[in-house]
Amino acid sequence: MLKTVRESCSFPLFSVLLWGGLSVGCASAGDGHPPLAVVPHVDLNRYIGTWYEIARLPFGQQEGCVGTTATYGVREDGDISVVNRCLDGSVDGPERVAEGKAWVVDPSTHAKLKVQFFWPFRGDYWVIDLADDYQYAVIGMPSRKYLWILNREPTMDPDIYSAILERAKKNGYDILRLIETPQIQ
């Protein structure tokens, strides 16, 4: 089983910029939205592995990224390893890599996590939508500022994608601002 994080680590500046910014502006107080709901339960052992980013809300540190993936694993200490990769600008561009860790902050659901790429910065990682077969996941933040749609394959069925967008819209996300992520076929 996965445990909570106990050690801190330091990563390159890119890691801070890529995901460390998630900790800024995460509170939903006063934004007019009801509290953001998460899925009832995440089986972290089924969740680990590689996910392909299908779409995201604008996140400056990912500007120009194509072929974006996130790979989760179990660390020796039982925490979650996080490795985000993308190609800069095109499928022939240089690879950008950010390595970090995550830990559960809501043990009743395992759907609310914190992610950290550079100490002391941390960000929310909330699983707000998840396929029963763990083929797709939607990661959001209480502020609704950021959203990621992830899939186990580089492409997603258009009907599933449309249904995810509709649910995200009902949750207060501005889906018109979503950027679809080109993936390598």
Protein backbone atom coordinates (compact mmCIF):
# COMPACT_ATOMS: atom_id res chain seq x y z
CA MET A 1 0.00 0.00 0.00
CA LEU A 2 1.04 3.60 -0.53
CA LYS A 3 1.91 5.74 2.48
CA THR A 4 2.22 9.46 3.06
CA VAL A 5 5.35 11.33 2.06
CA ARG A 6 7.96 11.82 4.76
CA GLU A 7 11.02 13.10 2.95
CA SER A 8 11.58 16.18 0.88
CA CYS A 9 13.63 16.43 -2.27
CA SER A 10 14.99 19.03 -4.61
CA PHE A 11 14.68 19.08 -8.40
CA PRO A 12 15.73 21.33 -11.26
CA LEU A 13 14.16 24.75 -11.69
CA PHE A 14 12.01 23.42 -14.53
CA SER A 15 10.27 21.14 -12.05
CA VAL A 16 9.39 24.11 -9.91
CA LEU A 17 8.00 25.96 -12.86
CA LEU A 18 6.18 23.01 -14.37
CA TRP A 19 4.20 21.86 -11.39
CA GLY A 20 5.32 23.84 -8.36
CA GLY A 21 3.07 26.69 -9.40
CA LEU A 22 0.10 24.50 -8.63
CA SER A 23 0.29 25.56 -5.02
CA VAL A 24 -0.47 29.17 -5.85
CA GLY A 25 -4.08 30.28 -5.81
CA CYS A 26 -5.58 26.90 -5.03
CA ALA A 27 -8.19 27.97 -2.50
CA SER A 28 -11.75 28.22 -3.76
CA ALA A 29 -12.99 30.66 -1.14
CA GLY A 30 -14.89 33.54 -2.65
CA ASP A 31 -14.73 32.33 -6.26
CA GLY A 32 -18.47 31.67 -6.52
CA HIS A 33 -18.10 27.92 -7.08
CA PRO A 34 -19.36 25.23 -4.75
CA PRO A 35 -16.64 23.05 -3.24
CA LEU A 36 -15.03 20.83 -5.86
CA ALA A 37 -16.05 17.18 -5.52
CA VAL A 38 -13.58 14.36 -5.99
CA VAL A 39 -14.26 10.77 -6.96
CA PRO A 40 -15.40 8.50 -4.10
CA HIS A 41 -12.26 6.35 -4.17
CA VAL A 42 -8.98 5.94 -6.04
CA ASP A 43 -7.17 2.61 -5.93
CA LEU A 44 -3.64 3.97 -6.11
CA ASN A 45 -2.22 0.60 -7.11
CA ARG A 46 -4.43 0.71 -10.24
CA TYR A 47 -3.70 4.39 -10.82
CA ILE A 48 0.09 4.07 -11.07
CA GLY A 49 1.59 3.76 -14.53
CA THR A 50 1.81 6.06 -17.54
CA TRP A 51 -0.91 8.52 -18.53
CA TYR A 52 -1.07 10.61 -21.72
CA GLU A 53 -2.22 14.19 -21.45
CA ILE A 54 -5.17 14.67 -23.80
CA ALA A 55 -5.95 18.28 -22.87
CA ARG A 56 -5.25 20.88 -20.21
CA LEU A 57 -6.17 24.38 -19.21
CA PRO A 58 -3.37 26.84 -19.99
CA PHE A 59 -0.38 26.39 -17.74
CA GLY A 60 2.51 28.63 -18.76
CA GLN A 61 5.22 26.16 -17.87
CA GLN A 62 3.75 23.67 -20.34
CA GLU A 63 3.59 26.13 -23.22
CA GLY A 64 4.80 24.44 -26.38
CA CYS A 65 4.66 20.95 -24.89
CA VAL A 66 3.63 18.06 -27.12
CA GLY A 67 3.60 14.35 -26.37
CA THR A 68 3.06 15.07 -22.67
CA THR A 69 2.95 12.10 -20.30
CA ALA A 70 2.81 11.61 -16.55
CA THR A 71 4.16 8.41 -15.04
CA TYR A 72 3.38 7.44 -11.46
CA GLY A 73 5.05 4.72 -9.45
CA VAL A 74 5.56 3.51 -5.91
CA ARG A 75 8.71 4.75 -4.25
CA GLU A 76 10.76 2.65 -1.83
CA ASP A 77 9.27 4.63 1.05
CA GLY A 78 5.76 3.84 -0.22
CA ASP A 79 5.06 7.31 -1.53
CA ILE A 80 4.24 8.10 -5.16
CA SER A 81 6.91 9.00 -7.68
CA VAL A 82 5.90 11.44 -10.41
CA VAL A 83 7.73 11.86 -13.72
CA ASN A 84 6.28 14.37 -16.18
CA ARG A 85 7.69 14.43 -19.70
CA CYS A 86 7.01 16.44 -22.81
CA LEU A 87 8.70 17.36 -26.05
CA ASP A 88 9.45 21.04 -26.46
CA GLY A 89 7.75 22.58 -29.48
CA SER A 90 7.40 19.56 -31.74
CA VAL A 91 7.77 15.80 -31.88
CA ASP A 92 11.41 16.43 -32.82
CA GLY A 93 11.97 18.87 -29.96
CA PRO A 94 14.11 18.22 -26.90
CA GLU A 95 12.54 16.35 -24.02
CA ARG A 96 11.63 18.21 -20.84
CA VAL A 97 11.44 16.12 -17.68
CA ALA A 98 10.19 17.02 -14.21
CA GLU A 99 10.53 14.53 -11.36
CA GLY A 100 8.68 14.83 -8.09
CA LYS A 101 6.57 13.03 -5.57
CA ALA A 102 2.99 12.94 -4.39
CA TRP A 103 1.21 11.87 -1.25
CA VAL A 104 -2.37 11.32 -0.16
CA VAL A 105 -3.95 14.03 1.98
CA ASP A 106 -7.41 12.44 2.18
CA PRO A 107 -6.99 8.80 3.21
CA SER A 108 -10.76 8.19 3.11
CA THR A 109 -10.83 8.54 -0.71
CA HIS A 110 -7.19 8.70 -1.88
CA ALA A 111 -8.57 11.22 -4.40
CA LYS A 112 -6.94 14.31 -2.87
CA LEU A 113 -3.18 14.40 -3.10
CA LYS A 114 -0.39 16.91 -2.86
CA VAL A 115 2.36 16.95 -5.46
CA GLN A 116 5.82 18.41 -4.97
CA PHE A 117 8.60 18.93 -7.46
CA PHE A 118 10.73 21.32 -5.46
CA TRP A 119 10.75 21.85 -1.72
CA PRO A 120 8.92 23.73 -0.19
CA PHE A 121 6.39 24.23 -3.03
CA ARG A 122 3.39 21.91 -3.15
CA GLY A 123 0.26 21.77 -5.25
CA ASP A 124 -3.15 20.17 -5.08
CA TYR A 125 -3.77 17.11 -7.23
CA TRP A 126 -7.44 16.19 -7.02
CA VAL A 127 -8.91 13.31 -9.00
CA ILE A 128 -12.32 14.70 -9.99
CA ASP A 129 -13.28 12.17 -12.66
CA LEU A 130 -12.05 8.62 -13.18
CA ALA A 131 -13.15 5.78 -15.45
CA ASP A 132 -14.25 2.62 -13.68
CA ASP A 133 -11.56 0.76 -15.64
CA TYR A 134 -8.93 3.48 -14.94
CA GLN A 135 -8.59 4.28 -18.65
CA TYR A 136 -9.02 8.03 -18.12
CA ALA A 137 -8.68 10.47 -15.25
CA VAL A 138 -9.39 14.15 -14.82
CA ILE A 139 -7.23 16.15 -12.43
CA GLY A 140 -8.47 19.46 -11.11
CA MET A 141 -7.90 22.07 -8.48
CA PRO A 142 -10.38 23.72 -6.14
CA SER A 143 -9.71 27.11 -7.77
CA ARG A 144 -10.73 25.72 -11.20
CA LYS A 145 -7.66 27.46 -12.62
CA TYR A 146 -6.01 24.26 -13.83
CA LEU A 147 -7.38 21.03 -15.29
CA TRP A 148 -5.75 18.03 -16.92
CA ILE A 149 -7.49 15.28 -18.90
CA LEU A 150 -5.39 12.11 -18.89
CA ASN A 151 -5.82 8.84 -20.75
CA ARG A 152 -4.00 5.51 -20.76
CA GLU A 153 -3.64 5.72 -24.55
CA PRO A 154 -2.40 8.67 -26.65
CA THR A 155 -5.87 9.19 -28.11
CA MET A 156 -9.30 9.27 -26.50
CA ASP A 157 -12.67 8.20 -27.84
CA PRO A 158 -14.46 11.43 -28.93
CA ASP A 159 -17.68 10.46 -27.12
CA ILE A 160 -15.82 9.91 -23.85
CA TYR A 161 -13.96 13.20 -24.33
CA SER A 162 -17.24 15.07 -24.92
CA ALA A 163 -18.78 13.55 -21.79
CA ILE A 164 -15.72 14.54 -19.74
CA LEU A 165 -15.95 18.10 -21.06
CA GLU A 166 -19.62 18.31 -20.11
CA ARG A 167 -18.88 17.15 -16.56
CA ALA A 168 -15.94 19.56 -16.29
CA LYS A 169 -18.17 22.42 -17.43
CA LYS A 170 -20.77 21.50 -14.79
CA ASN A 171 -17.94 21.58 -12.22
CA GLY A 172 -17.20 25.21 -13.11
CA TYR A 173 -14.27 24.77 -15.50
CA ASP A 174 -13.95 27.02 -18.55
CA ILE A 175 -13.70 24.27 -21.15
CA LEU A 176 -13.45 26.79 -23.99
CA ARG A 177 -9.91 27.52 -22.78
CA LEU A 178 -8.80 23.87 -22.94
CA ILE A 179 -5.73 23.16 -25.03
CA GLU A 180 -5.67 19.77 -26.72
CA THR A 181 -2.24 18.16 -26.39
CA PRO A 182 -0.71 16.73 -29.57
CA GLN A 183 0.47 13.18 -28.92
CA ILE A 184 2.93 11.06 -30.83
CA GLN A 185 1.11 8.28 -32.67
